[in-house]
């Protein structure tokens, strides 16, 4: 992760805790393998035997490290679709590409709202929606990275984390407007 995010140094690495089942005292979804806690710069990895069996432990840890690196990049919030898309893409996380039972989002607003709403739920139906929306978020990030490279993309993220509005950052870094991203949904 230090090669992708040069500001993530050994002294700024989050504390990582591993749990064989759910994290004690939380209501995390059984489908979630990891959680990053910005409040104390901590990563909790849960259901470790399941993640090992599925071959997802490494990508889950990397996914959460992306969240940690982004938290250190600045204090402004990223759109949820952009943060999740970056974490999925940069961790080389595999997603189920076969399930097409959920209608994909048609706009960035719908994608953002869907990720937020279904991320709050602990049901299997919500998980199916999240998988579909995560695929879309990853697709947008992939298109941005393919357009100008990874270093350019991390500069764009840092600009956003430093408080620049999405429309302004997209325009200056990619000569795009937010509506242009709908083509990659």
Protein backbone atom coordinates (compact mmCIF):
# COMPACT_ATOMS: atom_id res chain seq x y z
CA UNK A 1 0.00 0.00 0.00
CA UNK A 2 2.94 2.33 0.60
CA UNK A 3 3.74 2.24 -3.12
CA UNK A 4 0.23 3.40 -3.99
CA UNK A 5 -0.13 5.84 -1.08
CA UNK A 6 3.34 7.26 -0.29
CA UNK A 7 1.96 9.12 2.74
CA UNK A 8 1.18 5.79 4.45
CA UNK A 9 4.40 5.13 6.39
CA UNK A 10 5.26 2.54 9.02
CA UNK A 11 4.64 5.07 11.80
CA UNK A 12 1.14 5.79 10.49
CA UNK A 13 -0.02 2.21 9.95
CA UNK A 14 -3.29 1.30 11.64
CA UNK A 15 -3.52 -1.31 14.37
CA UNK A 16 -4.96 -4.53 12.94
CA UNK A 17 -6.97 -7.01 15.01
CA UNK A 18 -8.09 -10.44 13.79
CA UNK A 19 -11.18 -12.30 15.03
CA UNK A 20 -12.30 -15.87 14.24
CA UNK A 21 -15.95 -14.72 14.13
CA UNK A 22 -17.70 -11.34 14.41
CA UNK A 23 -15.99 -8.50 16.22
CA UNK A 24 -17.20 -8.52 19.85
CA UNK A 25 -19.66 -5.75 20.63
CA UNK A 26 -20.50 -4.88 17.02
CA UNK A 27 -23.45 -5.49 14.76
CA UNK A 28 -21.37 -6.03 11.64
CA UNK A 29 -22.88 -7.96 8.81
CA UNK A 30 -21.80 -11.59 8.53
CA UNK A 31 -20.86 -10.80 4.91
CA UNK A 32 -18.38 -8.09 5.93
CA UNK A 33 -14.83 -9.31 6.45
CA UNK A 34 -13.18 -6.11 7.60
CA UNK A 35 -13.94 -2.77 9.18
CA UNK A 36 -11.78 0.35 9.35
CA UNK A 37 -12.39 2.60 12.35
CA UNK A 38 -11.17 6.13 11.67
CA UNK A 39 -11.88 7.19 15.27
CA UNK A 40 -8.88 5.21 16.55
CA UNK A 41 -7.16 4.28 13.26
CA UNK A 42 -7.89 0.57 13.70
CA UNK A 43 -8.73 -2.28 11.36
CA UNK A 44 -10.79 -5.21 12.57
CA UNK A 45 -10.75 -8.34 10.41
CA UNK A 46 -13.50 -10.78 11.30
CA UNK A 47 -14.49 -14.28 10.20
CA UNK A 48 -10.81 -15.07 9.55
CA UNK A 49 -11.31 -18.85 9.02
CA UNK A 50 -14.01 -18.09 6.43
CA UNK A 51 -11.84 -15.49 4.68
CA UNK A 52 -8.94 -17.96 4.59
CA UNK A 53 -11.15 -20.72 3.18
CA UNK A 54 -12.45 -18.32 0.51
CA UNK A 55 -8.97 -17.00 -0.31
CA UNK A 56 -10.06 -13.45 0.61
CA UNK A 57 -8.01 -12.67 3.71
CA UNK A 58 -5.24 -10.75 1.94
CA UNK A 59 -7.55 -8.67 -0.25
CA UNK A 60 -9.78 -7.91 2.75
CA UNK A 61 -6.83 -6.59 4.76
CA UNK A 62 -5.63 -4.58 1.75
CA UNK A 63 -9.14 -3.19 1.22
CA UNK A 64 -9.20 -1.87 4.78
CA UNK A 65 -5.67 -0.46 4.42
CA UNK A 66 -6.94 1.62 1.48
CA UNK A 67 -9.59 3.08 3.79
CA UNK A 68 -6.87 3.81 6.38
CA UNK A 69 -4.63 5.47 3.78
CA UNK A 70 -7.49 7.61 2.53
CA UNK A 71 -8.30 8.67 6.10
CA UNK A 72 -4.73 9.96 6.43
CA UNK A 73 -4.86 11.82 3.09
CA UNK A 74 -7.07 14.63 4.41
CA UNK A 75 -10.13 15.37 6.49
CA UNK A 76 -12.79 15.84 3.81
CA UNK A 77 -15.14 12.95 3.03
CA UNK A 78 -15.01 11.20 -0.30
CA UNK A 79 -18.23 10.14 -1.97
CA UNK A 80 -18.97 6.66 -0.66
CA UNK A 81 -18.99 5.17 -4.18
CA UNK A 82 -15.51 6.59 -4.83
CA UNK A 83 -14.01 5.40 -1.55
CA UNK A 84 -15.47 1.89 -1.86
CA UNK A 85 -14.62 1.68 -5.55
CA UNK A 86 -11.01 2.66 -4.80
CA UNK A 87 -10.76 0.18 -1.92
CA UNK A 88 -12.12 -2.64 -4.09
CA UNK A 89 -10.02 -1.82 -7.15
CA UNK A 90 -6.74 -1.12 -5.32
CA UNK A 91 -7.00 -4.26 -3.18
CA UNK A 92 -7.60 -6.40 -6.30
CA UNK A 93 -10.70 -7.66 -4.55
CA UNK A 94 -12.72 -10.08 -6.62
CA UNK A 95 -16.46 -9.55 -6.86
CA UNK A 96 -19.21 -11.89 -7.95
CA UNK A 97 -19.79 -10.85 -11.55
CA UNK A 98 -22.47 -13.47 -12.24
CA UNK A 99 -25.36 -12.19 -10.13
CA UNK A 100 -27.42 -9.78 -12.18
CA UNK A 101 -30.59 -9.99 -10.08
CA UNK A 102 -30.32 -6.37 -8.91
CA UNK A 103 -31.05 -3.41 -11.15
CA UNK A 104 -27.84 -1.33 -11.35
CA UNK A 105 -27.77 2.32 -10.33
CA UNK A 106 -28.36 4.76 -13.20
CA UNK A 107 -26.83 7.87 -11.61
CA UNK A 108 -24.07 8.71 -9.15
CA UNK A 109 -26.69 9.91 -6.68
CA UNK A 110 -28.52 6.59 -6.91
CA UNK A 111 -25.22 4.74 -6.49
CA UNK A 112 -24.25 6.83 -3.45
CA UNK A 113 -27.68 6.47 -1.83
CA UNK A 114 -27.80 2.74 -2.55
CA UNK A 115 -24.38 2.09 -1.03
CA UNK A 116 -25.31 4.07 2.05
CA UNK A 117 -28.80 2.63 2.51
CA UNK A 118 -27.95 -1.01 1.86
CA UNK A 119 -24.69 -0.68 3.81
CA UNK A 120 -26.77 0.01 6.93
CA UNK A 121 -28.79 -3.18 6.55
CA UNK A 122 -27.76 -6.66 7.65
CA UNK A 123 -29.95 -8.67 5.27
CA UNK A 124 -29.05 -10.93 2.39
CA UNK A 125 -31.09 -8.75 0.01
CA UNK A 126 -29.05 -5.71 1.05
CA UNK A 127 -25.86 -7.68 0.41
CA UNK A 128 -27.02 -8.50 -3.13
CA UNK A 129 -27.59 -4.79 -3.78
CA UNK A 130 -24.20 -3.88 -2.32
CA UNK A 131 -22.47 -6.38 -4.60
CA UNK A 132 -24.08 -4.79 -7.65
CA UNK A 133 -23.27 -1.25 -6.54
CA UNK A 134 -19.71 -2.21 -5.58
CA UNK A 135 -19.18 -3.54 -9.11
CA UNK A 136 -20.32 -0.19 -10.48
CA UNK A 137 -18.13 1.82 -8.11
CA UNK A 138 -15.12 -0.30 -9.06
CA UNK A 139 -15.89 0.21 -12.76
CA UNK A 140 -15.80 3.99 -12.40
CA UNK A 141 -12.50 3.87 -10.50
CA UNK A 142 -11.03 1.46 -13.07
CA UNK A 143 -12.02 3.81 -15.90
CA UNK A 144 -10.42 6.80 -14.15
CA UNK A 145 -7.20 4.89 -13.46
CA UNK A 146 -7.04 3.54 -17.01
CA UNK A 147 -7.56 7.05 -18.35
CA UNK A 148 -4.52 8.70 -16.70
CA UNK A 149 -2.78 6.15 -14.48
CA UNK A 150 -2.66 5.31 -10.80
CA UNK A 151 -0.47 8.21 -9.70
CA UNK A 152 -2.85 10.68 -11.32
CA UNK A 153 -5.80 8.99 -9.58
CA UNK A 154 -4.18 9.18 -6.14
CA UNK A 155 -3.49 12.88 -6.73
CA UNK A 156 -7.17 13.33 -7.59
CA UNK A 157 -8.16 11.52 -4.36
CA UNK A 158 -5.85 13.70 -2.29
CA UNK A 159 -7.32 16.83 -3.83
CA UNK A 160 -10.78 15.64 -2.81
CA UNK A 161 -9.59 14.69 0.69
CA UNK A 162 -8.22 18.23 1.05
CA UNK A 163 -11.71 19.65 0.50
CA UNK A 164 -12.03 20.30 -3.23
CA UNK A 165 -15.56 19.69 -4.52
CA UNK A 166 -15.99 16.62 -6.76
CA UNK A 167 -17.05 18.62 -9.82
CA UNK A 168 -14.06 20.93 -9.56
CA UNK A 169 -11.57 18.10 -8.98
CA UNK A 170 -12.97 16.01 -11.84
CA UNK A 171 -12.74 19.02 -14.14
CA UNK A 172 -9.16 19.90 -13.22
CA UNK A 173 -7.77 16.36 -13.04
CA UNK A 174 -9.77 14.62 -15.78
CA UNK A 175 -11.59 17.31 -17.79
CA UNK A 176 -14.83 15.56 -16.83
CA UNK A 177 -18.06 16.56 -15.14
CA UNK A 178 -19.76 14.27 -12.59
CA UNK A 179 -22.48 13.48 -15.12
CA UNK A 180 -19.83 12.10 -17.49
CA UNK A 181 -19.13 9.29 -15.02
CA UNK A 182 -22.60 7.85 -15.56
CA UNK A 183 -21.29 6.39 -18.82
CA UNK A 184 -19.24 3.95 -16.72
CA UNK A 185 -22.14 2.79 -14.53
